[in-house]
Protein backbone atom coordinates (compact mmCIF):
# COMPACT_ATOMS: atom_id res chain seq x y z
CA UNK A 1 0.00 0.00 0.00
CA UNK A 2 2.81 2.40 0.82
CA UNK A 3 4.37 1.87 -2.63
CA UNK A 4 1.06 2.88 -4.26
CA UNK A 5 1.14 6.17 -2.36
CA UNK A 6 4.72 6.82 -3.44
CA UNK A 7 3.88 6.11 -7.08
CA UNK A 8 0.81 8.37 -6.98
CA UNK A 9 2.84 11.13 -5.34
CA UNK A 10 5.54 10.79 -8.02
CA UNK A 11 2.89 10.95 -10.76
CA UNK A 12 1.39 14.08 -9.20
CA UNK A 13 4.83 15.66 -8.97
CA UNK A 14 5.55 14.77 -12.59
CA UNK A 15 2.28 16.40 -13.70
CA UNK A 16 3.06 19.50 -11.63
CA UNK A 17 6.56 19.60 -13.14
CA UNK A 18 5.14 19.45 -16.68
CA UNK A 19 2.74 22.29 -15.85
CA UNK A 20 5.56 24.36 -14.34
CA UNK A 21 7.70 23.79 -17.45
CA UNK A 22 4.84 24.97 -19.66
CA UNK A 23 4.32 28.05 -17.50
CA UNK A 24 8.04 28.85 -17.74
CA UNK A 25 7.94 28.48 -21.52
CA UNK A 26 5.03 30.94 -21.72
CA UNK A 27 6.36 33.43 -19.15
CA UNK A 28 7.61 36.77 -20.44
CA UNK A 29 10.21 38.58 -18.34
CA UNK A 30 11.81 41.89 -19.20
CA UNK A 31 15.18 43.32 -18.33
CA UNK A 32 15.97 46.96 -19.00
CA UNK A 33 18.98 49.25 -18.97
CA UNK A 34 19.58 52.92 -19.59
CA UNK A 35 16.29 53.91 -18.01
CA UNK A 36 14.41 51.57 -20.32
CA UNK A 37 16.21 52.66 -23.50
CA UNK A 38 17.33 49.07 -24.03
CA UNK A 39 15.01 46.18 -23.19
CA UNK A 40 15.51 42.43 -23.41
CA UNK A 41 12.65 39.97 -23.13
CA UNK A 42 13.15 36.36 -22.03
CA UNK A 43 10.95 33.39 -21.25
CA UNK A 44 11.12 31.40 -18.04
CA UNK A 45 13.73 29.06 -19.53
CA UNK A 46 16.16 31.93 -20.06
CA UNK A 47 15.70 32.10 -23.83
CA UNK A 48 16.02 35.67 -25.09
CA UNK A 49 12.90 36.42 -27.13
CA UNK A 50 13.56 40.00 -28.22
CA UNK A 51 15.72 43.06 -27.77
CA UNK A 52 14.50 46.60 -28.35
CA UNK A 53 16.75 49.65 -28.53
CA UNK A 54 15.58 53.27 -28.58
CA UNK A 55 17.14 55.23 -31.43
CA UNK A 56 18.37 57.89 -28.99
CA UNK A 57 20.99 55.52 -27.52
CA UNK A 58 22.45 54.49 -30.88
CA UNK A 59 25.64 56.52 -31.21
CA UNK A 60 28.19 55.24 -33.74
CA UNK A 61 30.88 57.08 -31.79
CA UNK A 62 30.07 55.22 -28.56
CA UNK A 63 29.35 51.62 -29.46
CA UNK A 64 30.71 50.43 -26.10
CA UNK A 65 27.92 52.21 -24.22
CA UNK A 66 25.29 50.50 -26.37
CA UNK A 67 26.98 47.13 -25.89
CA UNK A 68 26.97 47.68 -22.11
CA UNK A 69 23.28 48.61 -22.14
CA UNK A 70 22.34 45.55 -24.19
CA UNK A 71 24.41 43.29 -21.95
CA UNK A 72 22.84 44.81 -18.83
CA UNK A 73 19.30 44.34 -20.15
CA UNK A 74 20.01 40.73 -21.18
CA UNK A 75 21.58 39.89 -17.81
CA UNK A 76 18.59 41.32 -15.97
CA UNK A 77 16.11 39.38 -18.12
CA UNK A 78 18.04 36.13 -17.60
CA UNK A 79 18.33 36.79 -13.87
CA UNK A 80 14.56 37.26 -13.61
CA UNK A 81 14.09 34.08 -15.65
CA UNK A 82 16.33 32.07 -13.32
CA UNK A 83 14.55 33.43 -10.27
CA UNK A 84 11.14 32.52 -11.68
CA UNK A 85 12.38 29.06 -12.69
CA UNK A 86 13.83 28.42 -9.23
CA UNK A 87 10.59 29.56 -7.59
CA UNK A 88 8.48 27.29 -9.82
CA UNK A 89 10.71 24.26 -9.34
CA UNK A 90 10.91 24.78 -5.57
CA UNK A 91 7.12 24.98 -5.40
CA UNK A 92 6.90 21.62 -7.18
CA UNK A 93 9.69 19.85 -5.32
CA UNK A 94 8.98 21.41 -1.96
CA UNK A 95 12.47 22.92 -1.92
CA UNK A 96 14.19 19.54 -2.24
CA UNK A 97 16.51 20.95 -4.88
CA UNK A 98 17.07 19.72 -8.40
CA UNK A 99 15.71 16.23 -8.66
CA UNK A 100 17.78 14.60 -11.40
CA UNK A 101 15.77 13.38 -14.34
CA UNK A 102 12.67 15.43 -13.55
CA UNK A 103 13.68 18.69 -15.19
C-alpha atoms as a PDB file:
ATOM      1  CA  UNK A   1       0.000   0.000   0.000  1.00  0.00           C
ATOM      2  CA  UNK A   2       2.808   2.402   0.819  1.00  0.00           C
ATOM      3  CA  UNK A   3       4.372   1.869  -2.633  1.00  0.00           C
ATOM      4  CA  UNK A   4       1.064   2.883  -4.262  1.00  0.00           C
ATOM      5  CA  UNK A   5       1.140   6.171  -2.364  1.00  0.00           C
ATOM      6  CA  UNK A   6       4.723   6.825  -3.442  1.00  0.00           C
ATOM      7  CA  UNK A   7       3.880   6.106  -7.084  1.00  0.00           C
ATOM      8  CA  UNK A   8       0.808   8.368  -6.977  1.00  0.00           C
ATOM      9  CA  UNK A   9       2.838  11.132  -5.343  1.00  0.00           C
ATOM     10  CA  UNK A  10       5.539  10.789  -8.022  1.00  0.00           C
ATOM     11  CA  UNK A  11       2.892  10.948 -10.758  1.00  0.00           C
ATOM     12  CA  UNK A  12       1.394  14.083  -9.200  1.00  0.00           C
ATOM     13  CA  UNK A  13       4.833  15.662  -8.966  1.00  0.00           C
ATOM     14  CA  UNK A  14       5.545  14.768 -12.591  1.00  0.00           C
ATOM     15  CA  UNK A  15       2.285  16.405 -13.700  1.00  0.00           C
ATOM     16  CA  UNK A  16       3.061  19.496 -11.629  1.00  0.00           C
ATOM     17  CA  UNK A  17       6.555  19.603 -13.141  1.00  0.00           C
ATOM     18  CA  UNK A  18       5.138  19.454 -16.675  1.00  0.00           C
ATOM     19  CA  UNK A  19       2.741  22.294 -15.852  1.00  0.00           C
ATOM     20  CA  UNK A  20       5.560  24.361 -14.339  1.00  0.00           C
ATOM     21  CA  UNK A  21       7.702  23.794 -17.449  1.00  0.00           C
ATOM     22  CA  UNK A  22       4.837  24.972 -19.660  1.00  0.00           C
ATOM     23  CA  UNK A  23       4.322  28.050 -17.498  1.00  0.00           C
ATOM     24  CA  UNK A  24       8.038  28.848 -17.737  1.00  0.00           C
ATOM     25  CA  UNK A  25       7.940  28.482 -21.519  1.00  0.00           C
ATOM     26  CA  UNK A  26       5.033  30.938 -21.718  1.00  0.00           C
ATOM     27  CA  UNK A  27       6.356  33.433 -19.152  1.00  0.00           C
ATOM     28  CA  UNK A  28       7.606  36.771 -20.443  1.00  0.00           C
ATOM     29  CA  UNK A  29      10.205  38.579 -18.339  1.00  0.00           C
ATOM     30  CA  UNK A  30      11.812  41.885 -19.199  1.00  0.00           C
ATOM     31  CA  UNK A  31      15.180  43.320 -18.334  1.00  0.00           C
ATOM     32  CA  UNK A  32      15.970  46.959 -19.004  1.00  0.00           C
ATOM     33  CA  UNK A  33      18.977  49.246 -18.969  1.00  0.00           C
ATOM     34  CA  UNK A  34      19.576  52.923 -19.589  1.00  0.00           C
ATOM     35  CA  UNK A  35      16.289  53.913 -18.010  1.00  0.00           C
ATOM     36  CA  UNK A  36      14.413  51.573 -20.317  1.00  0.00           C
ATOM     37  CA  UNK A  37      16.209  52.664 -23.496  1.00  0.00           C
ATOM     38  CA  UNK A  38      17.327  49.069 -24.032  1.00  0.00           C
ATOM     39  CA  UNK A  39      15.007  46.176 -23.190  1.00  0.00           C
ATOM     40  CA  UNK A  40      15.509  42.431 -23.410  1.00  0.00           C
ATOM     41  CA  UNK A  41      12.650  39.973 -23.125  1.00  0.00           C
ATOM     42  CA  UNK A  42      13.147  36.360 -22.033  1.00  0.00           C
ATOM     43  CA  UNK A  43      10.950  33.388 -21.253  1.00  0.00           C
ATOM     44  CA  UNK A  44      11.124  31.397 -18.036  1.00  0.00           C
ATOM     45  CA  UNK A  45      13.729  29.058 -19.529  1.00  0.00           C
ATOM     46  CA  UNK A  46      16.164  31.933 -20.062  1.00  0.00           C
ATOM     47  CA  UNK A  47      15.698  32.103 -23.827  1.00  0.00           C
ATOM     48  CA  UNK A  48      16.018  35.671 -25.089  1.00  0.00           C
ATOM     49  CA  UNK A  49      12.899  36.422 -27.135  1.00  0.00           C
ATOM     50  CA  UNK A  50      13.559  39.997 -28.220  1.00  0.00           C
ATOM     51  CA  UNK A  51      15.719  43.060 -27.767  1.00  0.00           C
ATOM     52  CA  UNK A  52      14.502  46.602 -28.349  1.00  0.00           C
ATOM     53  CA  UNK A  53      16.752  49.650 -28.527  1.00  0.00           C
ATOM     54  CA  UNK A  54      15.582  53.267 -28.577  1.00  0.00           C
ATOM     55  CA  UNK A  55      17.139  55.226 -31.425  1.00  0.00           C
ATOM     56  CA  UNK A  56      18.374  57.891 -28.986  1.00  0.00           C
ATOM     57  CA  UNK A  57      20.985  55.520 -27.524  1.00  0.00           C
ATOM     58  CA  UNK A  58      22.449  54.492 -30.883  1.00  0.00           C
ATOM     59  CA  UNK A  59      25.635  56.518 -31.212  1.00  0.00           C
ATOM     60  CA  UNK A  60      28.186  55.245 -33.741  1.00  0.00           C
ATOM     61  CA  UNK A  61      30.878  57.077 -31.792  1.00  0.00           C
ATOM     62  CA  UNK A  62      30.072  55.225 -28.560  1.00  0.00           C
ATOM     63  CA  UNK A  63      29.346  51.624 -29.462  1.00  0.00           C
ATOM     64  CA  UNK A  64      30.714  50.433 -26.100  1.00  0.00           C
ATOM     65  CA  UNK A  65      27.921  52.208 -24.224  1.00  0.00           C
ATOM     66  CA  UNK A  66      25.289  50.504 -26.369  1.00  0.00           C
ATOM     67  CA  UNK A  67      26.978  47.134 -25.886  1.00  0.00           C
ATOM     68  CA  UNK A  68      26.972  47.678 -22.108  1.00  0.00           C
ATOM     69  CA  UNK A  69      23.278  48.612 -22.142  1.00  0.00           C
ATOM     70  CA  UNK A  70      22.345  45.546 -24.194  1.00  0.00           C
ATOM     71  CA  UNK A  71      24.414  43.295 -21.949  1.00  0.00           C
ATOM     72  CA  UNK A  72      22.838  44.809 -18.830  1.00  0.00           C
ATOM     73  CA  UNK A  73      19.305  44.335 -20.146  1.00  0.00           C
ATOM     74  CA  UNK A  74      20.012  40.727 -21.178  1.00  0.00           C
ATOM     75  CA  UNK A  75      21.584  39.895 -17.814  1.00  0.00           C
ATOM     76  CA  UNK A  76      18.588  41.324 -15.973  1.00  0.00           C
ATOM     77  CA  UNK A  77      16.107  39.376 -18.121  1.00  0.00           C
ATOM     78  CA  UNK A  78      18.040  36.132 -17.598  1.00  0.00           C
ATOM     79  CA  UNK A  79      18.335  36.794 -13.866  1.00  0.00           C
ATOM     80  CA  UNK A  80      14.562  37.260 -13.607  1.00  0.00           C
ATOM     81  CA  UNK A  81      14.093  34.084 -15.646  1.00  0.00           C
ATOM     82  CA  UNK A  82      16.334  32.066 -13.320  1.00  0.00           C
ATOM     83  CA  UNK A  83      14.553  33.426 -10.267  1.00  0.00           C
ATOM     84  CA  UNK A  84      11.137  32.516 -11.677  1.00  0.00           C
ATOM     85  CA  UNK A  85      12.385  29.059 -12.687  1.00  0.00           C
ATOM     86  CA  UNK A  86      13.829  28.422  -9.228  1.00  0.00           C
ATOM     87  CA  UNK A  87      10.585  29.557  -7.588  1.00  0.00           C
ATOM     88  CA  UNK A  88       8.480  27.294  -9.824  1.00  0.00           C
ATOM     89  CA  UNK A  89      10.708  24.264  -9.338  1.00  0.00           C
ATOM     90  CA  UNK A  90      10.906  24.780  -5.566  1.00  0.00           C
ATOM     91  CA  UNK A  91       7.117  24.977  -5.398  1.00  0.00           C
ATOM     92  CA  UNK A  92       6.898  21.615  -7.182  1.00  0.00           C
ATOM     93  CA  UNK A  93       9.690  19.850  -5.321  1.00  0.00           C
ATOM     94  CA  UNK A  94       8.978  21.412  -1.964  1.00  0.00           C
ATOM     95  CA  UNK A  95      12.472  22.925  -1.923  1.00  0.00           C
ATOM     96  CA  UNK A  96      14.185  19.536  -2.241  1.00  0.00           C
ATOM     97  CA  UNK A  97      16.509  20.949  -4.876  1.00  0.00           C
ATOM     98  CA  UNK A  98      17.066  19.719  -8.404  1.00  0.00           C
ATOM     99  CA  UNK A  99      15.712  16.233  -8.657  1.00  0.00           C
ATOM    100  CA  UNK A 100      17.781  14.597 -11.398  1.00  0.00           C
ATOM    101  CA  UNK A 101      15.768  13.384 -14.344  1.00  0.00           C
ATOM    102  CA  UNK A 102      12.668  15.426 -13.551  1.00  0.00           C
ATOM    103  CA  UNK A 103      13.679  18.690 -15.187  1.00  0.00           C
END
